[in-house]
Amino acid sequence: MIRILVTDGMDKTAMEALRAKGFEVVEQFYEPDQLGEALKEFDVVVVRSKTKVRANHIDAAKGGKLKLIIRGGVGVDNIDVKYAEDAGITVRNTPRASSESVAELALAHMMSCARFISIAGHSMREGKWDKKAYSKGIEVRGKTLGIIGFGRIGQTLGGMAKALGMNVIAQDIFHVPGIEEKMGMKYVELPELLAQSDFISLHTPAIDGKALINAETIAQMKDGVVFINTSRGNNVDEAALLDALNSGKVRSAGLDVFADEPATNSALYSHPMVSCTPHIGAQTVEAQKRIGAEIVDIISGFQF
């Protein structure tokens, strides 16, 4: 019998579907020092963000049953993909399943930053009525949204922003043909995007080395820009972003991801001009069902 290890949870309907197909499904989290040995006993491991499958785990699993690693989500930076594939282990993800959910959360953070929703709500729970303090909100209509990383999530957010009357520009290392004609969006180089955007939303995979958003790139942004990150925390130099928030260079920031998770930079996530969430971009009922269904399809179609 094909054995499947689910380490970070999965939609119950999907697990039932796999069991109905004759697979054995075990739902259990393993600490990093135990994961490698455990993987020997399974043909498939399904992970989310919490579990990291590194080279040492793959080495420990050699000689065992492991043939397939699935990341339930978009990014695969928590898996040493090339090392796994060189060891004969296939790595897959579910890139389509959570695009809508992440894009909607990015849009929600944009609105929260524009209208002080996070801090104003917090102050009310403290018994305050700070109507005057939050009277300088801004509208998104007519503003320019710059999207860095124009894959599925970036394109979905771009469509939502266009529907709200925003001007959308995008930067990506890949240029998707026909986007300008079909969606009315414009590709630009990064310096132009930084200089023109009133709102900037980051949707790139994890980037090795220097953070993409750092003191140098922040300096190229408009004064009073709103910055959103629902991609990866390490794509942003948190110290540089905090300095920019304190100086007013960045009006406000909406953050779903952090360099360390659970987040440890309390000066950043507690800042009054930060709207924050604990990495919940894909955490909707609908997305979890789509992710689960895609995982079932991947496993069902895999040649063991």
C-alpha atoms as a PDB file:
ATOM      1  CA  MET A   1       0.000   0.000   0.000  1.00  0.00           C
ATOM      2  CA  ILE A   2       1.210   3.519  -0.852  1.00  0.00           C
ATOM      3  CA  ARG A   3       1.807   5.461   2.375  1.00  0.00           C
ATOM      4  CA  ILE A   4       1.337   9.249   2.542  1.00  0.00           C
ATOM      5  CA  LEU A   5       2.642  11.464   5.346  1.00  0.00           C
ATOM      6  CA  VAL A   6       0.829  14.775   5.895  1.00  0.00           C
ATOM      7  CA  THR A   7       2.952  16.900   8.221  1.00  0.00           C
ATOM      8  CA  ASP A   8       1.252  20.312   8.333  1.00  0.00           C
ATOM      9  CA  GLY A   9      -2.408  19.452   7.914  1.00  0.00           C
ATOM     10  CA  MET A  10      -4.617  19.118   4.848  1.00  0.00           C
ATOM     11  CA  ASP A  11      -8.276  19.459   3.950  1.00  0.00           C
ATOM     12  CA  LYS A  12     -10.177  16.554   5.518  1.00  0.00           C
ATOM     13  CA  THR A  13     -12.165  15.907   2.352  1.00  0.00           C
ATOM     14  CA  ALA A  14      -8.930  15.435   0.415  1.00  0.00           C
ATOM     15  CA  MET A  15      -7.578  12.978   2.985  1.00  0.00           C
ATOM     16  CA  GLU A  16     -10.844  11.034   2.827  1.00  0.00           C
ATOM     17  CA  ALA A  17     -10.606  10.977  -0.972  1.00  0.00           C
ATOM     18  CA  LEU A  18      -7.078   9.577  -0.817  1.00  0.00           C
ATOM     19  CA  ARG A  19      -8.115   6.881   1.655  1.00  0.00           C
ATOM     20  CA  ALA A  20     -11.080   6.000  -0.558  1.00  0.00           C
ATOM     21  CA  LYS A  21      -8.595   5.444  -3.401  1.00  0.00           C
ATOM     22  CA  GLY A  22      -6.710   2.908  -1.277  1.00  0.00           C
ATOM     23  CA  PHE A  23      -3.859   5.079   0.012  1.00  0.00           C
ATOM     24  CA  GLU A  24      -2.783   5.018   3.646  1.00  0.00           C
ATOM     25  CA  VAL A  25      -2.701   8.587   5.005  1.00  0.00           C
ATOM     26  CA  VAL A  26      -0.875   9.464   8.228  1.00  0.00           C
ATOM     27  CA  GLU A  27      -1.240  12.989   9.619  1.00  0.00           C
ATOM     28  CA  GLN A  28       1.682  13.760  11.930  1.00  0.00           C
ATOM     29  CA  PHE A  29       4.230  16.540  12.399  1.00  0.00           C
ATOM     30  CA  TYR A  30       7.872  15.573  12.963  1.00  0.00           C
ATOM     31  CA  GLU A  31      10.550  17.764  14.478  1.00  0.00           C
ATOM     32  CA  PRO A  32      13.483  18.422  12.120  1.00  0.00           C
ATOM     33  CA  ASP A  33      15.783  15.932  13.874  1.00  0.00           C
ATOM     34  CA  GLN A  34      13.194  13.166  13.450  1.00  0.00           C
ATOM     35  CA  LEU A  35      11.861  13.935   9.986  1.00  0.00           C
ATOM     36  CA  GLY A  36      14.523  12.216   7.859  1.00  0.00           C
ATOM     37  CA  GLU A  37      14.155   8.803   9.488  1.00  0.00           C
ATOM     38  CA  ALA A  38      10.374   9.094   9.382  1.00  0.00           C
ATOM     39  CA  LEU A  39      10.408   9.788   5.641  1.00  0.00           C
ATOM     40  CA  LYS A  40      11.909   6.360   4.975  1.00  0.00           C
ATOM     41  CA  GLU A  41       8.566   4.794   5.797  1.00  0.00           C
ATOM     42  CA  PHE A  42       6.472   6.841   3.366  1.00  0.00           C
ATOM     43  CA  ASP A  43       6.132   6.998  -0.423  1.00  0.00           C
ATOM     44  CA  VAL A  44       4.801  10.579  -0.331  1.00  0.00           C
ATOM     45  CA  VAL A  45       5.169  13.501   2.037  1.00  0.00           C
ATOM     46  CA  VAL A  46       2.807  16.487   1.867  1.00  0.00           C
ATOM     47  CA  VAL A  47       4.054  19.675   3.552  1.00  0.00           C
ATOM     48  CA  ARG A  48       2.938  23.275   3.898  1.00  0.00           C
ATOM     49  CA  SER A  49       5.111  26.095   5.288  1.00  0.00           C
ATOM     50  CA  LYS A  50       6.070  24.730   8.698  1.00  0.00           C
ATOM     51  CA  THR A  51       7.904  21.590   7.610  1.00  0.00           C
ATOM     52  CA  LYS A  52      11.213  22.088   5.826  1.00  0.00           C
ATOM     53  CA  VAL A  53      12.639  19.206   3.803  1.00  0.00           C
ATOM     54  CA  ARG A  54      16.373  19.801   3.570  1.00  0.00           C
ATOM     55  CA  ALA A  55      19.326  17.866   2.184  1.00  0.00           C
ATOM     56  CA  ASN A  56      20.014  16.126   5.500  1.00  0.00           C
ATOM     57  CA  HIS A  57      16.432  14.826   5.611  1.00  0.00           C
ATOM     58  CA  ILE A  58      16.723  13.544   2.056  1.00  0.00           C
ATOM     59  CA  ASP A  59      20.031  11.849   2.906  1.00  0.00           C
ATOM     60  CA  ALA A  60      18.445  10.196   5.934  1.00  0.00           C
ATOM     61  CA  ALA A  61      15.534   8.989   3.805  1.00  0.00           C
ATOM     62  CA  LYS A  62      17.751   7.355   1.163  1.00  0.00           C
ATOM     63  CA  GLY A  63      17.167   3.653   0.878  1.00  0.00           C
ATOM     64  CA  GLY A  64      13.594   4.122   2.021  1.00  0.00           C
ATOM     65  CA  LYS A  65      10.300   4.442   0.163  1.00  0.00           C
ATOM     66  CA  LEU A  66      10.143   8.205  -0.495  1.00  0.00           C
ATOM     67  CA  LYS A  67       9.387   9.044  -4.130  1.00  0.00           C
ATOM     68  CA  LEU A  68       7.304  12.244  -4.042  1.00  0.00           C
ATOM     69  CA  ILE A  69       7.331  15.500  -2.042  1.00  0.00           C
ATOM     70  CA  ILE A  70       4.338  17.821  -2.440  1.00  0.00           C
ATOM     71  CA  ARG A  71       4.220  21.386  -1.177  1.00  0.00           C
ATOM     72  CA  GLY A  72       0.608  22.399  -0.605  1.00  0.00           C
ATOM     73  CA  GLY A  73       1.018  25.972  -1.826  1.00  0.00           C
ATOM     74  CA  VAL A  74       2.944  28.059  -4.322  1.00  0.00           C
ATOM     75  CA  GLY A  75       6.555  28.431  -3.173  1.00  0.00           C
ATOM     76  CA  VAL A  76       8.898  25.476  -2.701  1.00  0.00           C
ATOM     77  CA  ASP A  77      11.691  27.332  -0.891  1.00  0.00           C
ATOM     78  CA  ASN A  78      11.191  25.134   2.192  1.00  0.00           C
ATOM     79  CA  ILE A  79      12.306  22.135   0.109  1.00  0.00           C
ATOM     80  CA  ASP A  80      15.798  21.508  -1.306  1.00  0.00           C
ATOM     81  CA  VAL A  81      14.271  20.805  -4.697  1.00  0.00           C
ATOM     82  CA  LYS A  82      17.367  20.097  -6.807  1.00  0.00           C
ATOM     83  CA  TYR A  83      18.900  17.893  -4.118  1.00  0.00           C
ATOM     84  CA  ALA A  84      15.688  15.882  -3.915  1.00  0.00           C
ATOM     85  CA  GLU A  85      15.365  15.527  -7.670  1.00  0.00           C
ATOM     86  CA  ASP A  86      19.028  14.509  -7.987  1.00  0.00           C
ATOM     87  CA  ALA A  87      18.199  11.773  -5.479  1.00  0.00           C
ATOM     88  CA  GLY A  88      15.354  10.571  -7.703  1.00  0.00           C
ATOM     89  CA  ILE A  89      12.568  12.161  -5.669  1.00  0.00           C
ATOM     90  CA  THR A  90       9.919  14.192  -7.534  1.00  0.00           C
ATOM     91  CA  VAL A  91       8.887  17.584  -6.104  1.00  0.00           C
ATOM     92  CA  ARG A  92       5.513  19.128  -6.928  1.00  0.00           C
ATOM     93  CA  ASN A  93       3.443  22.058  -5.662  1.00  0.00           C
ATOM     94  CA  THR A  94      -0.075  23.478  -6.091  1.00  0.00           C
ATOM     95  CA  PRO A  95       0.481  26.871  -7.727  1.00  0.00           C
ATOM     96  CA  ARG A  96      -3.055  27.514  -8.917  1.00  0.00           C
ATOM     97  CA  ALA A  97      -5.009  26.682  -5.783  1.00  0.00           C
ATOM     98  CA  SER A  98      -4.326  29.696  -3.549  1.00  0.00           C
ATOM     99  CA  SER A  99      -3.861  32.583  -5.999  1.00  0.00           C
ATOM    100  CA  GLU A 100      -7.267  34.138  -5.324  1.00  0.00           C
ATOM    101  CA  SER A 101      -6.888  33.917  -1.557  1.00  0.00           C
ATOM    102  CA  VAL A 102      -3.421  35.493  -1.430  1.00  0.00           C
ATOM    103  CA  ALA A 103      -4.407  38.234  -3.874  1.00  0.00           C
ATOM    104  CA  GLU A 104      -7.501  39.068  -1.816  1.00  0.00           C
ATOM    105  CA  LEU A 105      -5.429  39.306   1.370  1.00  0.00           C
ATOM    106  CA  ALA A 106      -2.952  41.630  -0.366  1.00  0.00           C
ATOM    107  CA  LEU A 107      -5.896  43.804  -1.426  1.00  0.00           C
ATOM    108  CA  ALA A 108      -7.287  43.710   2.126  1.00  0.00           C
ATOM    109  CA  HIS A 109      -3.961  44.944   3.488  1.00  0.00           C
ATOM    110  CA  MET A 110      -3.942  47.724   0.899  1.00  0.00           C
ATOM    111  CA  MET A 111      -7.343  48.876   2.130  1.00  0.00           C
ATOM    112  CA  SER A 112      -6.302  48.536   5.758  1.00  0.00           C
ATOM    113  CA  CYS A 113      -3.216  50.676   5.157  1.00  0.00           C
ATOM    114  CA  ALA A 114      -5.132  53.267   3.144  1.00  0.00           C
ATOM    115  CA  ARG A 115      -7.822  53.742   5.793  1.00  0.00           C
ATOM    116  CA  PHE A 116      -6.057  52.935   9.115  1.00  0.00           C
ATOM    117  CA  ILE A 117      -8.369  49.939   9.618  1.00  0.00           C
ATOM    118  CA  SER A 118      -5.963  47.902  11.746  1.00  0.00           C
ATOM    119  CA  ILE A 119      -4.809  50.597  14.162  1.00  0.00           C
ATOM    120  CA  ALA A 120      -8.196  52.356  14.318  1.00  0.00           C
ATOM    121  CA  GLY A 121      -9.915  49.110  15.264  1.00  0.00           C
ATOM    122  CA  HIS A 122      -7.248  48.400  17.869  1.00  0.00           C
ATOM    123  CA  SER A 123      -7.649  51.847  19.441  1.00  0.00           C
ATOM    124  CA  MET A 124     -11.420  51.344  19.681  1.00  0.00           C
ATOM    125  CA  ARG A 125     -10.867  48.115  21.598  1.00  0.00           C
ATOM    126  CA  GLU A 126      -8.849  50.206  24.032  1.00  0.00           C
ATOM    127  CA  GLY A 127     -11.915  52.412  24.580  1.00  0.00           C
ATOM    128  CA  LYS A 128     -10.729  55.297  22.381  1.00  0.00           C
ATOM    129  CA  TRP A 129     -12.653  57.225  19.728  1.00  0.00           C
ATOM    130  CA  ASP A 130      -9.790  58.593  17.601  1.00  0.00           C
ATOM    131  CA  LYS A 131     -11.854  59.753  14.645  1.00  0.00           C
ATOM    132  CA  LYS A 132      -9.758  62.859  14.077  1.00  0.00           C
ATOM    133  CA  ALA A 133      -6.464  60.983  14.298  1.00  0.00           C
ATOM    134  CA  TYR A 134      -7.492  58.752  11.401  1.00  0.00           C
ATOM    135  CA  SER A 135      -9.098  61.395   9.215  1.00  0.00           C
ATOM    136  CA  LYS A 136      -6.337  61.409   6.609  1.00  0.00           C
ATOM    137  CA  GLY A 137      -7.106  58.158   4.851  1.00  0.00           C
ATOM    138  CA  ILE A 138      -6.527  57.835   1.130  1.00  0.00           C
ATOM    139  CA  GLU A 139      -8.577  56.310  -1.679  1.00  0.00           C
ATOM    140  CA  VAL A 140      -7.165  53.639  -3.964  1.00  0.00           C
ATOM    141  CA  ARG A 141      -9.103  54.700  -7.061  1.00  0.00           C
ATOM    142  CA  GLY A 142      -6.865  56.598  -9.443  1.00  0.00           C
ATOM    143  CA  LYS A 143      -3.690  55.494  -7.669  1.00  0.00           C
ATOM    144  CA  THR A 144      -0.899  53.460  -9.276  1.00  0.00           C
ATOM    145  CA  LEU A 145      -0.287  49.942  -8.012  1.00  0.00           C
ATOM    146  CA  GLY A 146       3.106  48.459  -8.799  1.00  0.00           C
ATOM    147  CA  ILE A 147       3.224  44.668  -8.648  1.00  0.00           C
ATOM    148  CA  ILE A 148       6.650  43.075  -8.322  1.00  0.00           C
ATOM    149  CA  GLY A 149       6.385  39.465  -9.453  1.00  0.00           C
ATOM    150  CA  PHE A 150       3.620  39.072 -12.030  1.00  0.00           C
ATOM    151  CA  GLY A 151       2.742  35.388 -11.815  1.00  0.00           C
ATOM    152  CA  ARG A 152      -0.688  33.978 -11.005  1.00  0.00           C
ATOM    153  CA  ILE A 153      -1.101  35.892  -7.736  1.00  0.00           C
ATOM    154  CA  GLY A 154       0.229  39.164  -9.138  1.00  0.00           C
ATOM    155  CA  GLN A 155      -2.035  38.944 -12.184  1.00  0.00           C
ATOM    156  CA  THR A 156      -5.057  38.139 -10.009  1.00  0.00           C
ATOM    157  CA  LEU A 157      -4.358  41.135  -7.781  1.00  0.00           C
ATOM    158  CA  GLY A 158      -3.854  43.293 -10.856  1.00  0.00           C
ATOM    159  CA  GLY A 159      -7.316  42.369 -12.134  1.00  0.00           C
ATOM    160  CA  MET A 160      -8.881  43.216  -8.784  1.00  0.00           C
ATOM    161  CA  ALA A 161      -7.066  46.548  -8.650  1.00  0.00           C
ATOM    162  CA  LYS A 162      -8.150  47.438 -12.186  1.00  0.00           C
ATOM    163  CA  ALA A 163     -11.755  46.788 -11.180  1.00  0.00           C
ATOM    164  CA  LEU A 164     -11.290  49.347  -8.398  1.00  0.00           C
ATOM    165  CA  GLY A 165     -10.078  51.967 -10.860  1.00  0.00           C
ATOM    166  CA  MET A 166      -6.369  51.680 -10.148  1.00  0.00           C
ATOM    167  CA  ASN A 167      -3.599  52.023 -12.698  1.00  0.00           C
ATOM    168  CA  VAL A 168      -1.513  48.836 -12.651  1.00  0.00           C
ATOM    169  CA  ILE A 169       2.126  48.453 -13.631  1.00  0.00           C
ATOM    170  CA  ALA A 170       4.182  45.309 -13.177  1.00  0.00           C
ATOM    171  CA  GLN A 171       7.734  44.036 -13.148  1.00  0.00           C
ATOM    172  CA  ASP A 172       8.808  40.443 -13.613  1.00  0.00           C
ATOM    173  CA  ILE A 173      11.775  38.582 -15.070  1.00  0.00           C
ATOM    174  CA  PHE A 174       9.257  36.862 -17.361  1.00  0.00           C
ATOM    175  CA  HIS A 175       7.006  38.863 -19.675  1.00  0.00           C
ATOM    176  CA  VAL A 176       3.647  37.134 -20.133  1.00  0.00           C
ATOM    177  CA  PRO A 177       2.541  37.822 -23.741  1.00  0.00           C
ATOM    178  CA  GLY A 178      -0.703  39.706 -24.175  1.00  0.00           C
ATOM    179  CA  ILE A 179      -1.079  41.008 -20.615  1.00  0.00           C
ATOM    180  CA  GLU A 180      -1.105  44.636 -21.754  1.00  0.00           C
ATOM    181  CA  GLU A 181      -3.773  44.004 -24.388  1.00  0.00           C
ATOM    182  CA  LYS A 182      -5.946  41.632 -22.349  1.00  0.00           C
ATOM    183  CA  MET A 183      -5.724  43.259 -18.927  1.00  0.00           C
ATOM    184  CA  GLY A 184      -4.655  46.834 -19.615  1.00  0.00           C
ATOM    185  CA  MET A 185      -1.518  46.529 -17.509  1.00  0.00           C
ATOM    186  CA  LYS A 186       1.969  47.700 -18.365  1.00  0.00           C
ATOM    187  CA  TYR A 187       5.327  46.027 -17.830  1.00  0.00           C
ATOM    188  CA  VAL A 188       8.097  48.337 -16.602  1.00  0.00           C
ATOM    189  CA  GLU A 189      11.606  47.948 -15.218  1.00  0.00           C
ATOM    190  CA  LEU A 190      11.985  47.922 -11.436  1.00  0.00           C
ATOM    191  CA  PRO A 191      13.367  51.489 -11.029  1.00  0.00           C
ATOM    192  CA  GLU A 192      10.390  52.878 -12.973  1.00  0.00           C
ATOM    193  CA  LEU A 193       7.932  50.851 -10.899  1.00  0.00           C
ATOM    194  CA  LEU A 194       9.485  52.029  -7.639  1.00  0.00           C
ATOM    195  CA  ALA A 195       9.406  55.661  -8.714  1.00  0.00           C
ATOM    196  CA  GLN A 196       5.835  55.679 -10.069  1.00  0.00           C
ATOM    197  CA  SER A 197       3.849  53.530  -7.645  1.00  0.00           C
ATOM    198  CA  ASP A 198       1.602  54.811  -4.861  1.00  0.00           C
ATOM    199  CA  PHE A 199       1.138  51.218  -3.683  1.00  0.00           C
ATOM    200  CA  ILE A 200       3.665  48.406  -4.142  1.00  0.00           C
ATOM    201  CA  SER A 201       2.789  44.735  -3.659  1.00  0.00           C
ATOM    202  CA  LEU A 202       5.500  42.068  -3.615  1.00  0.00           C
ATOM    203  CA  HIS A 203       4.788  38.629  -5.110  1.00  0.00           C
ATOM    204  CA  THR A 204       8.166  37.095  -5.891  1.00  0.00           C
ATOM    205  CA  PRO A 205       9.475  33.692  -4.789  1.00  0.00           C
ATOM    206  CA  ALA A 206      12.142  33.587  -2.106  1.00  0.00           C
ATOM    207  CA  ILE A 207      15.230  35.397  -3.349  1.00  0.00           C
ATOM    208  CA  ASP A 208      18.714  34.196  -2.451  1.00  0.00           C
ATOM    209  CA  GLY A 209      21.160  36.733  -1.082  1.00  0.00           C
ATOM    210  CA  LYS A 210      20.317  40.409  -0.633  1.00  0.00           C
ATOM    211  CA  ALA A 211      16.686  41.273   0.101  1.00  0.00           C
ATOM    212  CA  LEU A 212      14.930  42.819  -2.896  1.00  0.00           C
ATOM    213  CA  ILE A 213      13.293  45.483  -0.737  1.00  0.00           C
ATOM    214  CA  ASN A 214      16.138  47.169   1.113  1.00  0.00           C
ATOM    215  CA  ALA A 215      17.376  50.661   1.947  1.00  0.00           C
ATOM    216  CA  GLU A 216      18.496  51.215  -1.655  1.00  0.00           C
ATOM    217  CA  THR A 217      15.210  50.205  -3.310  1.00  0.00           C
ATOM    218  CA  ILE A 218      13.111  51.958  -0.656  1.00  0.00           C
ATOM    219  CA  ALA A 219      15.009  55.180  -1.388  1.00  0.00           C
ATOM    220  CA  GLN A 220      13.816  54.918  -5.013  1.00  0.00           C
ATOM    221  CA  MET A 221      10.148  54.763  -3.965  1.00  0.00           C
ATOM    222  CA  LYS A 222       7.733  57.664  -3.798  1.00  0.00           C
ATOM    223  CA  ASP A 223       7.497  59.439  -0.466  1.00  0.00           C
ATOM    224  CA  GLY A 224       4.449  58.117   1.367  1.00  0.00           C
ATOM    225  CA  VAL A 225       4.243  54.837  -0.560  1.00  0.00           C
ATOM    226  CA  VAL A 226       2.162  51.949   0.813  1.00  0.00           C
ATOM    227  CA  PHE A 227       4.065  48.657   0.773  1.00  0.00           C
ATOM    228  CA  ILE A 228       2.501  45.167   0.882  1.00  0.00           C
ATOM    229  CA  ASN A 229       4.277  41.832   1.277  1.00  0.00           C
ATOM    230  CA  THR A 230       2.447  38.512   1.047  1.00  0.00           C
ATOM    231  CA  SER A 231       5.352  36.643  -0.589  1.00  0.00           C
ATOM    232  CA  ARG A 232       8.291  35.720   1.657  1.00  0.00           C
ATOM    233  CA  GLY A 233       9.581  37.597   4.699  1.00  0.00           C
ATOM    234  CA  ASN A 234      13.229  37.302   3.684  1.00  0.00           C
ATOM    235  CA  ASN A 235      12.519  39.282   0.507  1.00  0.00           C
ATOM    236  CA  VAL A 236      12.420  42.405   2.711  1.00  0.00           C
ATOM    237  CA  ASP A 237      15.117  43.993   4.870  1.00  0.00           C
ATOM    238  CA  GLU A 238      12.963  44.490   7.961  1.00  0.00           C
ATOM    239  CA  ALA A 239      15.334  46.995   9.569  1.00  0.00           C
ATOM    240  CA  ALA A 240      15.276  49.167   6.442  1.00  0.00           C
ATOM    241  CA  LEU A 241      11.480  48.952   6.243  1.00  0.00           C
ATOM    242  CA  LEU A 242      11.121  49.911   9.906  1.00  0.00           C
ATOM    243  CA  ASP A 243      13.405  52.916   9.388  1.00  0.00           C
ATOM    244  CA  ALA A 244      11.294  53.976   6.402  1.00  0.00           C
ATOM    245  CA  LEU A 245       8.072  53.647   8.407  1.00  0.00           C
ATOM    246  CA  ASN A 246       9.540  55.736  11.220  1.00  0.00           C
ATOM    247  CA  SER A 247      10.703  58.451   8.818  1.00  0.00           C
ATOM    248  CA  GLY A 248       7.428  58.489   6.851  1.00  0.00           C
ATOM    249  CA  LYS A 249       9.139  57.498   3.605  1.00  0.00           C
ATOM    250  CA  VAL A 250       6.804  54.502   3.680  1.00  0.00           C
ATOM    251  CA  ARG A 251       3.339  55.641   4.781  1.00  0.00           C
ATOM    252  CA  SER A 252       2.288  52.186   5.927  1.00  0.00           C
ATOM    253  CA  ALA A 253       2.951  48.513   5.326  1.00  0.00           C
ATOM    254  CA  GLY A 254       0.741  45.447   5.104  1.00  0.00           C
ATOM    255  CA  LEU A 255       2.672  42.321   6.066  1.00  0.00           C
ATOM    256  CA  ASP A 256       1.573  38.697   6.043  1.00  0.00           C
ATOM    257  CA  VAL A 257       5.104  37.253   6.089  1.00  0.00           C
ATOM    258  CA  PHE A 258       8.188  37.874   8.210  1.00  0.00           C
ATOM    259  CA  ALA A 259      11.891  37.029   8.215  1.00  0.00           C
ATOM    260  CA  ASP A 260      11.356  34.803  11.265  1.00  0.00           C
ATOM    261  CA  GLU A 261       8.115  32.908  11.723  1.00  0.00           C
ATOM    262  CA  PRO A 262       6.525  33.001  14.225  1.00  0.00           C
ATOM    263  CA  ALA A 263       7.431  36.687  13.963  1.00  0.00           C
ATOM    264  CA  THR A 264       9.961  38.009  16.471  1.00  0.00           C
ATOM    265  CA  ASN A 265      10.403  41.598  15.238  1.00  0.00           C
ATOM    266  CA  SER A 266       7.876  43.216  17.566  1.00  0.00           C
ATOM    267  CA  ALA A 267       9.049  46.720  16.668  1.00  0.00           C
ATOM    268  CA  LEU A 268       7.863  46.044  13.124  1.00  0.00           C
ATOM    269  CA  TYR A 269       4.633  44.128  13.631  1.00  0.00           C
ATOM    270  CA  SER A 270       3.581  46.404  16.520  1.00  0.00           C
ATOM    271  CA  HIS A 271       4.240  49.592  14.567  1.00  0.00           C
ATOM    272  CA  PRO A 272       1.080  51.731  14.408  1.00  0.00           C
ATOM    273  CA  MET A 273       1.391  52.026  10.617  1.00  0.00           C
ATOM    274  CA  VAL A 274       1.660  48.277  10.016  1.00  0.00           C
ATOM    275  CA  SER A 275      -1.296  46.055   9.174  1.00  0.00           C
ATOM    276  CA  CYS A 276      -0.178  42.530   9.953  1.00  0.00           C
ATOM    277  CA  THR A 277      -1.379  38.930   9.749  1.00  0.00           C
ATOM    278  CA  PRO A 278       0.399  35.666  10.713  1.00  0.00           C
ATOM    279  CA  HIS A 279       1.102  34.189   7.239  1.00  0.00           C
ATOM    280  CA  ILE A 280      -2.540  33.437   6.419  1.00  0.00           C
ATOM    281  CA  GLY A 281      -2.495  34.281   2.701  1.00  0.00           C
ATOM    282  CA  ALA A 282      -3.722  30.850   1.600  1.00  0.00           C
ATOM    283  CA  GLN A 283      -5.758  30.157   4.738  1.00  0.00           C
ATOM    284  CA  THR A 284      -9.280  30.284   3.376  1.00  0.00           C
ATOM    285  CA  VAL A 285     -11.799  27.467   3.315  1.00  0.00           C
ATOM    286  CA  GLU A 286     -11.967  27.645  -0.467  1.00  0.00           C
ATOM    287  CA  ALA A 287      -8.199  27.635  -0.983  1.00  0.00           C
ATOM    288  CA  GLN A 288      -7.704  24.688   1.361  1.00  0.00           C
ATOM    289  CA  LYS A 289     -10.263  22.663  -0.582  1.00  0.00           C
ATOM    290  CA  ARG A 290      -8.607  23.571  -3.903  1.00  0.00           C
ATOM    291  CA  ILE A 291      -5.153  22.731  -2.536  1.00  0.00           C
ATOM    292  CA  GLY A 292      -6.440  19.402  -1.231  1.00  0.00           C
ATOM    293  CA  ALA A 293      -8.101  18.556  -4.542  1.00  0.00           C
ATOM    294  CA  GLU A 294      -4.915  19.387  -6.454  1.00  0.00           C
ATOM    295  CA  ILE A 295      -2.860  17.199  -4.112  1.00  0.00           C
ATOM    296  CA  VAL A 296      -5.283  14.304  -4.685  1.00  0.00           C
ATOM    297  CA  ASP A 297      -4.902  14.740  -8.455  1.00  0.00           C
ATOM    298  CA  ILE A 298      -1.083  14.817  -8.209  1.00  0.00           C
ATOM    299  CA  ILE A 299      -0.894  11.662  -6.125  1.00  0.00           C
ATOM    300  CA  SER A 300      -3.557   9.810  -8.109  1.00  0.00           C
ATOM    301  CA  GLY A 301      -1.718  10.496 -11.366  1.00  0.00           C
ATOM    302  CA  PHE A 302       1.780   9.709 -10.094  1.00  0.00           C
ATOM    303  CA  GLN A 303       3.540   6.584 -11.331  1.00  0.00           C
ATOM    304  CA  PHE A 304       4.820   4.842  -8.200  1.00  0.00           C
END
